[in-house]
């Protein structure tokens, strides 16, 4: 069952965790409409380092009156340290959640969430979700950026894991799809159009050679006159080169109606402008694309 609250998880000094947990709890009430909790990078300063939390307003946490005892930190029923995953040293895919398995039933879910300290090397939005009364997850809203290092501490348990840097794609001319994976996790599936009969997209695995934000594609460069029935000379955006013979993944707004259902290109992988831009902005030279069923 999904938690009905949002949280802001950040790094903090260990001696101030109970105070920070309370701050995050109250601060979350003001941003509940976002539907997200933001995990900030390990190098970031706390969002509210000592208050006041909002300029011109009093601090959310009032000082402890003289002679009073601060509230104790969140305590798990019993004395059993929870199990946290992924396991230390793991390399995971882009959709990997953080799993916390408690040995006893958790009644105060808000306090339990506030006790979780997640420190990624890159800020990632996400939220807490309860699978049941003993199983808490923190789930990225979309996916962890490639290569992110993540440290998790909760109630005496700790793990450190790494998000895979493997960023691959498969273009399937029969399925008319272009599927992108981070590690073993599919993070995007785009409708695509590939080479039509007589101009079939070559099969094989190709590394990305270069990226061109804008490029002119001219059929005369491979022997087809521009003014012939199969000729063209067009300005193309978000062109990711796979071969020196002219196979690209690129934006093709003129073929959006065919993407996902038929092959109409001269051999390139046609995507919508939005999808080609996403791929262009995330792929790196050396990442591979497997082309099949061409």
Protein backbone atom coordinates (compact mmCIF):
# COMPACT_ATOMS: atom_id res chain seq x y z
CA UNK A 1 0.00 0.00 0.00
CA UNK A 2 1.35 3.39 -0.96
CA UNK A 3 2.24 5.81 1.82
CA UNK A 4 -0.17 8.74 2.04
CA UNK A 5 2.57 11.26 2.74
CA UNK A 6 5.66 12.61 1.05
CA UNK A 7 9.10 13.11 2.53
CA UNK A 8 12.30 14.95 1.81
CA UNK A 9 15.34 12.79 2.40
CA UNK A 10 18.74 14.43 2.57
CA UNK A 11 22.10 13.96 4.16
CA UNK A 12 22.57 15.32 7.69
CA UNK A 13 24.90 15.15 10.65
CA UNK A 14 24.23 12.03 12.68
CA UNK A 15 23.81 14.00 15.87
CA UNK A 16 20.96 16.00 14.33
CA UNK A 17 18.93 13.24 12.75
CA UNK A 18 15.95 13.32 15.05
CA UNK A 19 15.66 17.10 14.68
CA UNK A 20 16.05 16.89 10.91
CA UNK A 21 13.53 14.07 10.66
CA UNK A 22 10.95 16.24 12.39
CA UNK A 23 11.78 19.16 10.11
CA UNK A 24 11.35 16.99 7.03
CA UNK A 25 8.03 15.70 8.32
CA UNK A 26 6.63 19.21 8.80
CA UNK A 27 8.17 20.56 5.64
CA UNK A 28 6.61 17.75 3.65
CA UNK A 29 3.15 18.96 4.65
CA UNK A 30 3.77 22.09 2.63
CA UNK A 31 4.72 20.21 -0.55
CA UNK A 32 2.28 17.32 -0.48
CA UNK A 33 0.85 18.34 -3.86
CA UNK A 34 4.07 17.44 -5.64
CA UNK A 35 3.64 13.71 -5.09
CA UNK A 36 7.40 13.33 -4.91
CA UNK A 37 10.14 13.12 -2.35
CA UNK A 38 13.49 14.46 -3.46
CA UNK A 39 16.67 12.67 -2.56
CA UNK A 40 19.43 15.27 -2.72
CA UNK A 41 23.08 14.60 -3.60
CA UNK A 42 25.49 13.68 -0.86
CA UNK A 43 27.42 16.90 -1.47
CA UNK A 44 24.37 19.15 -1.05
CA UNK A 45 23.86 21.30 2.05
CA UNK A 46 20.75 20.56 4.13
CA UNK A 47 17.69 22.41 2.84
CA UNK A 48 17.05 23.94 6.25
CA UNK A 49 20.46 24.19 7.99
CA UNK A 50 19.42 25.42 11.41
CA UNK A 51 16.40 27.49 10.39
CA UNK A 52 14.47 29.60 10.19
CA UNK A 53 13.17 27.38 7.43
CA UNK A 54 11.60 30.13 5.34
CA UNK A 55 13.02 33.66 5.37
CA UNK A 56 10.81 35.94 7.45
CA UNK A 57 8.98 33.10 9.22
CA UNK A 58 9.82 31.43 12.53
CA UNK A 59 11.63 28.12 12.54
CA UNK A 60 9.42 25.06 12.10
CA UNK A 61 11.03 23.44 15.16
CA UNK A 62 10.93 25.51 18.34
CA UNK A 63 13.90 25.27 20.71
CA UNK A 64 13.61 22.68 23.48
CA UNK A 65 12.61 24.51 26.70
CA UNK A 66 15.25 24.50 29.49
CA UNK A 67 14.97 21.39 31.61
CA UNK A 68 13.04 19.48 28.94
CA UNK A 69 14.19 16.25 27.36
CA UNK A 70 14.19 16.06 23.54
CA UNK A 71 11.99 13.31 22.07
CA UNK A 72 13.85 10.04 21.51
CA UNK A 73 14.73 8.97 17.96
CA UNK A 74 12.54 6.48 16.12
CA UNK A 75 12.90 3.04 17.67
CA UNK A 76 12.04 -0.20 15.94
CA UNK A 77 9.93 -2.58 18.05
CA UNK A 78 12.29 -5.20 19.43
CA UNK A 79 16.03 -4.95 18.95
CA UNK A 80 16.43 -6.35 15.45
CA UNK A 81 18.26 -4.35 12.78
CA UNK A 82 16.31 -4.29 9.49
CA UNK A 83 17.61 -5.75 6.27
CA UNK A 84 18.33 -3.17 3.55
CA UNK A 85 18.68 -3.80 -0.16
CA UNK A 86 20.19 -3.74 -2.69
CA UNK A 87 23.07 -5.57 -1.04
CA UNK A 88 26.31 -3.69 -0.48
CA UNK A 89 28.44 -3.62 -3.62
CA UNK A 90 25.55 -4.38 -5.97
CA UNK A 91 25.36 -2.90 -9.47
CA UNK A 92 21.70 -2.34 -10.31
CA UNK A 93 19.44 -1.20 -13.11
CA UNK A 94 17.79 2.18 -13.47
CA UNK A 95 14.47 1.26 -11.83
CA UNK A 96 15.90 -0.43 -8.74
CA UNK A 97 13.97 0.48 -5.54
CA UNK A 98 15.52 0.63 -2.09
CA UNK A 99 13.96 -2.10 0.07
CA UNK A 100 13.85 -2.08 3.87
CA UNK A 101 12.60 -5.25 5.58
CA UNK A 102 11.75 -4.82 9.27
CA UNK A 103 11.68 -7.79 11.66
CA UNK A 104 8.59 -6.41 13.45
CA UNK A 105 5.38 -4.71 12.38
CA UNK A 106 5.77 -0.93 12.00
CA UNK A 107 2.91 1.15 13.38
CA UNK A 108 4.34 4.68 13.05
CA UNK A 109 5.10 4.77 9.32
CA UNK A 110 5.88 8.49 9.25
CA UNK A 111 8.58 8.10 11.90
CA UNK A 112 9.99 5.07 10.08
CA UNK A 113 10.27 7.00 6.83
CA UNK A 114 11.95 9.92 8.61
CA UNK A 115 14.59 7.54 9.98
CA UNK A 116 15.76 6.53 6.49
CA UNK A 117 18.82 8.46 5.26
CA UNK A 118 19.55 8.16 1.55
CA UNK A 119 22.62 9.85 0.04
CA UNK A 120 22.91 9.55 -3.76
CA UNK A 121 25.69 11.14 -5.79
CA UNK A 122 23.02 12.67 -8.06
CA UNK A 123 19.72 14.12 -6.83
CA UNK A 124 16.76 11.86 -7.68
CA UNK A 125 13.01 12.45 -7.13
CA UNK A 126 10.98 9.58 -5.75
CA UNK A 127 8.76 8.54 -2.84
CA UNK A 128 8.18 6.01 -0.10
CA UNK A 129 5.79 3.11 -0.65
CA UNK A 130 4.72 0.49 1.87
CA UNK A 131 4.40 -3.04 0.51
CA UNK A 132 3.10 -4.22 3.90
CA UNK A 133 3.63 -3.39 7.60
CA UNK A 134 7.18 -4.75 7.55
CA UNK A 135 8.38 -3.80 4.07
CA UNK A 136 9.15 -0.19 3.11
CA UNK A 137 10.42 0.88 -0.31
CA UNK A 138 11.86 4.10 -1.66
CA UNK A 139 11.16 4.18 -5.39
CA UNK A 140 12.67 6.61 -7.93
CA UNK A 141 10.00 8.58 -9.77
CA UNK A 142 11.46 7.64 -13.14
CA UNK A 143 14.91 6.06 -12.99
CA UNK A 144 18.29 6.50 -11.30
CA UNK A 145 20.76 8.34 -13.57
CA UNK A 146 23.45 6.06 -14.94
CA UNK A 147 26.46 5.59 -12.70
CA UNK A 148 24.78 7.01 -9.58
CA UNK A 149 26.35 5.87 -6.28
CA UNK A 150 23.84 5.49 -3.44
CA UNK A 151 24.36 5.10 0.31
CA UNK A 152 21.47 4.11 2.61
CA UNK A 153 21.39 4.09 6.42
CA UNK A 154 18.45 3.11 8.60
CA UNK A 155 18.28 1.97 12.22
CA UNK A 156 21.82 0.57 12.33
CA UNK A 157 21.73 -1.00 8.88
CA UNK A 158 23.73 0.37 5.95
CA UNK A 159 24.28 -0.43 2.28
CA UNK A 160 26.08 1.20 -0.62
CA UNK A 161 25.25 0.30 -4.22
CA UNK A 162 25.96 1.56 -7.74
CA UNK A 163 23.60 2.14 -10.66
CA UNK A 164 24.85 0.54 -13.85
CA UNK A 165 26.61 2.66 -16.44
CA UNK A 166 25.45 0.29 -19.20
CA UNK A 167 23.15 2.29 -21.52
CA UNK A 168 22.03 0.21 -24.49
CA UNK A 169 19.26 0.19 -27.08
CA UNK A 170 17.58 -2.29 -29.40
CA UNK A 171 15.95 -1.17 -32.63
CA UNK A 172 13.52 -3.82 -33.90
CA UNK A 173 12.40 -3.29 -37.49
CA UNK A 174 9.68 -5.95 -37.20
CA UNK A 175 8.20 -4.63 -33.95
CA UNK A 176 8.75 -0.99 -35.02
CA UNK A 177 10.21 -0.13 -31.62
CA UNK A 178 13.36 1.42 -30.18
CA UNK A 179 13.91 0.13 -26.64
CA UNK A 180 16.43 1.73 -24.25
CA UNK A 181 17.89 -0.08 -21.23
CA UNK A 182 19.89 1.09 -18.23
CA UNK A 183 21.57 -2.03 -16.95
CA UNK A 184 18.96 -4.73 -17.43
CA UNK A 185 16.01 -2.40 -16.86
CA UNK A 186 13.97 -1.02 -19.75
CA UNK A 187 13.61 2.72 -19.14
CA UNK A 188 12.09 3.81 -22.47
CA UNK A 189 10.21 2.14 -25.33
CA UNK A 190 9.73 4.41 -28.35
CA UNK A 191 7.67 3.78 -31.50
CA UNK A 192 10.03 3.83 -34.46
CA UNK A 193 10.16 3.54 -38.23
CA UNK A 194 13.16 1.95 -39.94
CA UNK A 195 14.34 1.13 -43.44
CA UNK A 196 11.72 0.34 -46.06
CA UNK A 197 12.09 -2.39 -48.69
CA UNK A 198 15.17 -1.77 -50.75
CA UNK A 199 16.62 0.43 -48.00
CA UNK A 200 16.53 -2.03 -45.09
CA UNK A 201 18.19 -1.03 -41.83
CA UNK A 202 21.31 -3.18 -41.38
CA UNK A 203 21.32 -5.80 -38.64
CA UNK A 204 24.10 -5.84 -36.08
CA UNK A 205 25.36 -4.11 -32.95
CA UNK A 206 26.81 -0.65 -33.49
CA UNK A 207 28.53 1.77 -31.10
CA UNK A 208 27.45 5.39 -31.13
CA UNK A 209 30.10 7.24 -33.14
CA UNK A 210 29.07 10.87 -32.74
CA UNK A 211 26.12 13.14 -32.03
CA UNK A 212 24.94 16.04 -34.20
CA UNK A 213 22.35 18.45 -32.81
CA UNK A 214 21.59 19.56 -36.40
CA UNK A 215 22.76 18.02 -39.65
CA UNK A 216 21.88 18.17 -43.35
CA UNK A 217 21.11 14.73 -44.82
CA UNK A 218 21.68 14.58 -48.56
CA UNK A 219 20.95 11.48 -50.65
CA UNK A 220 23.48 12.54 -53.27
CA UNK A 221 26.28 11.68 -50.82
CA UNK A 222 25.57 7.98 -51.46
CA UNK A 223 24.72 8.25 -55.16
CA UNK A 224 21.00 9.09 -55.21
CA UNK A 225 20.29 12.44 -56.90
CA UNK A 226 18.34 14.87 -54.76
CA UNK A 227 15.78 15.42 -57.56
CA UNK A 228 15.12 11.69 -58.10
CA UNK A 229 12.02 9.94 -56.67
CA UNK A 230 14.11 8.52 -53.80
CA UNK A 231 16.23 11.64 -53.38
CA UNK A 232 16.20 14.08 -50.46
CA UNK A 233 18.07 16.90 -48.82
CA UNK A 234 16.68 17.76 -45.41
CA UNK A 235 17.70 19.46 -42.17
CA UNK A 236 17.58 16.88 -39.37
CA UNK A 237 17.65 17.37 -35.60
CA UNK A 238 19.05 15.17 -32.81
CA UNK A 239 21.05 12.87 -35.09
CA UNK A 240 23.00 10.10 -33.34
CA UNK A 241 25.39 8.42 -35.80
CA UNK A 242 25.78 4.64 -35.76
CA UNK A 243 27.76 4.08 -38.98
CA UNK A 244 29.95 6.15 -41.27
CA UNK A 245 27.79 4.93 -44.15
CA UNK A 246 24.96 7.10 -42.86
CA UNK A 247 22.80 5.17 -40.40
CA UNK A 248 21.51 7.47 -37.65
CA UNK A 249 18.92 7.51 -34.90
CA UNK A 250 17.26 10.87 -35.53
CA UNK A 251 14.19 13.04 -35.28
CA UNK A 252 11.79 12.52 -38.18
CA UNK A 253 8.60 14.49 -37.57
CA UNK A 254 7.49 13.72 -41.14
CA UNK A 255 7.16 9.98 -40.34
CA UNK A 256 5.48 10.14 -36.92
CA UNK A 257 2.33 8.58 -38.42
CA UNK A 258 4.35 5.55 -39.50
CA UNK A 259 6.41 5.20 -36.33
CA UNK A 260 5.28 2.14 -34.43
CA UNK A 261 3.50 0.53 -37.38
CA UNK A 262 5.52 0.59 -40.63
CA UNK A 263 8.99 1.14 -42.04
CA UNK A 264 9.36 4.12 -44.38
CA UNK A 265 12.93 5.41 -43.90
CA UNK A 266 15.98 5.05 -46.12
CA UNK A 267 17.69 2.95 -43.44
CA UNK A 268 17.84 5.26 -40.42
CA UNK A 269 15.89 4.82 -37.20
CA UNK A 270 13.14 7.47 -37.23
CA UNK A 271 11.79 8.75 -33.90
CA UNK A 272 9.58 11.69 -32.97
CA UNK A 273 11.42 14.90 -32.22
CA UNK A 274 10.71 14.57 -28.47
CA UNK A 275 11.92 10.96 -28.31
CA UNK A 276 14.98 11.59 -30.47
CA UNK A 277 15.92 14.54 -28.23
CA UNK A 278 15.62 12.39 -25.09
CA UNK A 279 17.86 9.70 -26.57
CA UNK A 280 20.34 12.26 -27.91
CA UNK A 281 20.61 13.95 -24.50
CA UNK A 282 21.20 10.71 -22.60
CA UNK A 283 23.31 8.53 -24.89
CA UNK A 284 27.11 8.79 -25.01
CA UNK A 285 29.61 7.88 -27.71
CA UNK A 286 30.52 4.23 -27.25
CA UNK A 287 27.08 3.18 -26.02
CA UNK A 288 25.71 0.42 -28.24
CA UNK A 289 22.60 -0.03 -30.37
CA UNK A 290 21.55 -3.50 -31.56
CA UNK A 291 19.52 -3.45 -34.77
CA UNK A 292 17.44 -6.54 -35.52
CA UNK A 293 14.93 -7.82 -38.09
CA UNK A 294 16.02 -5.35 -40.75
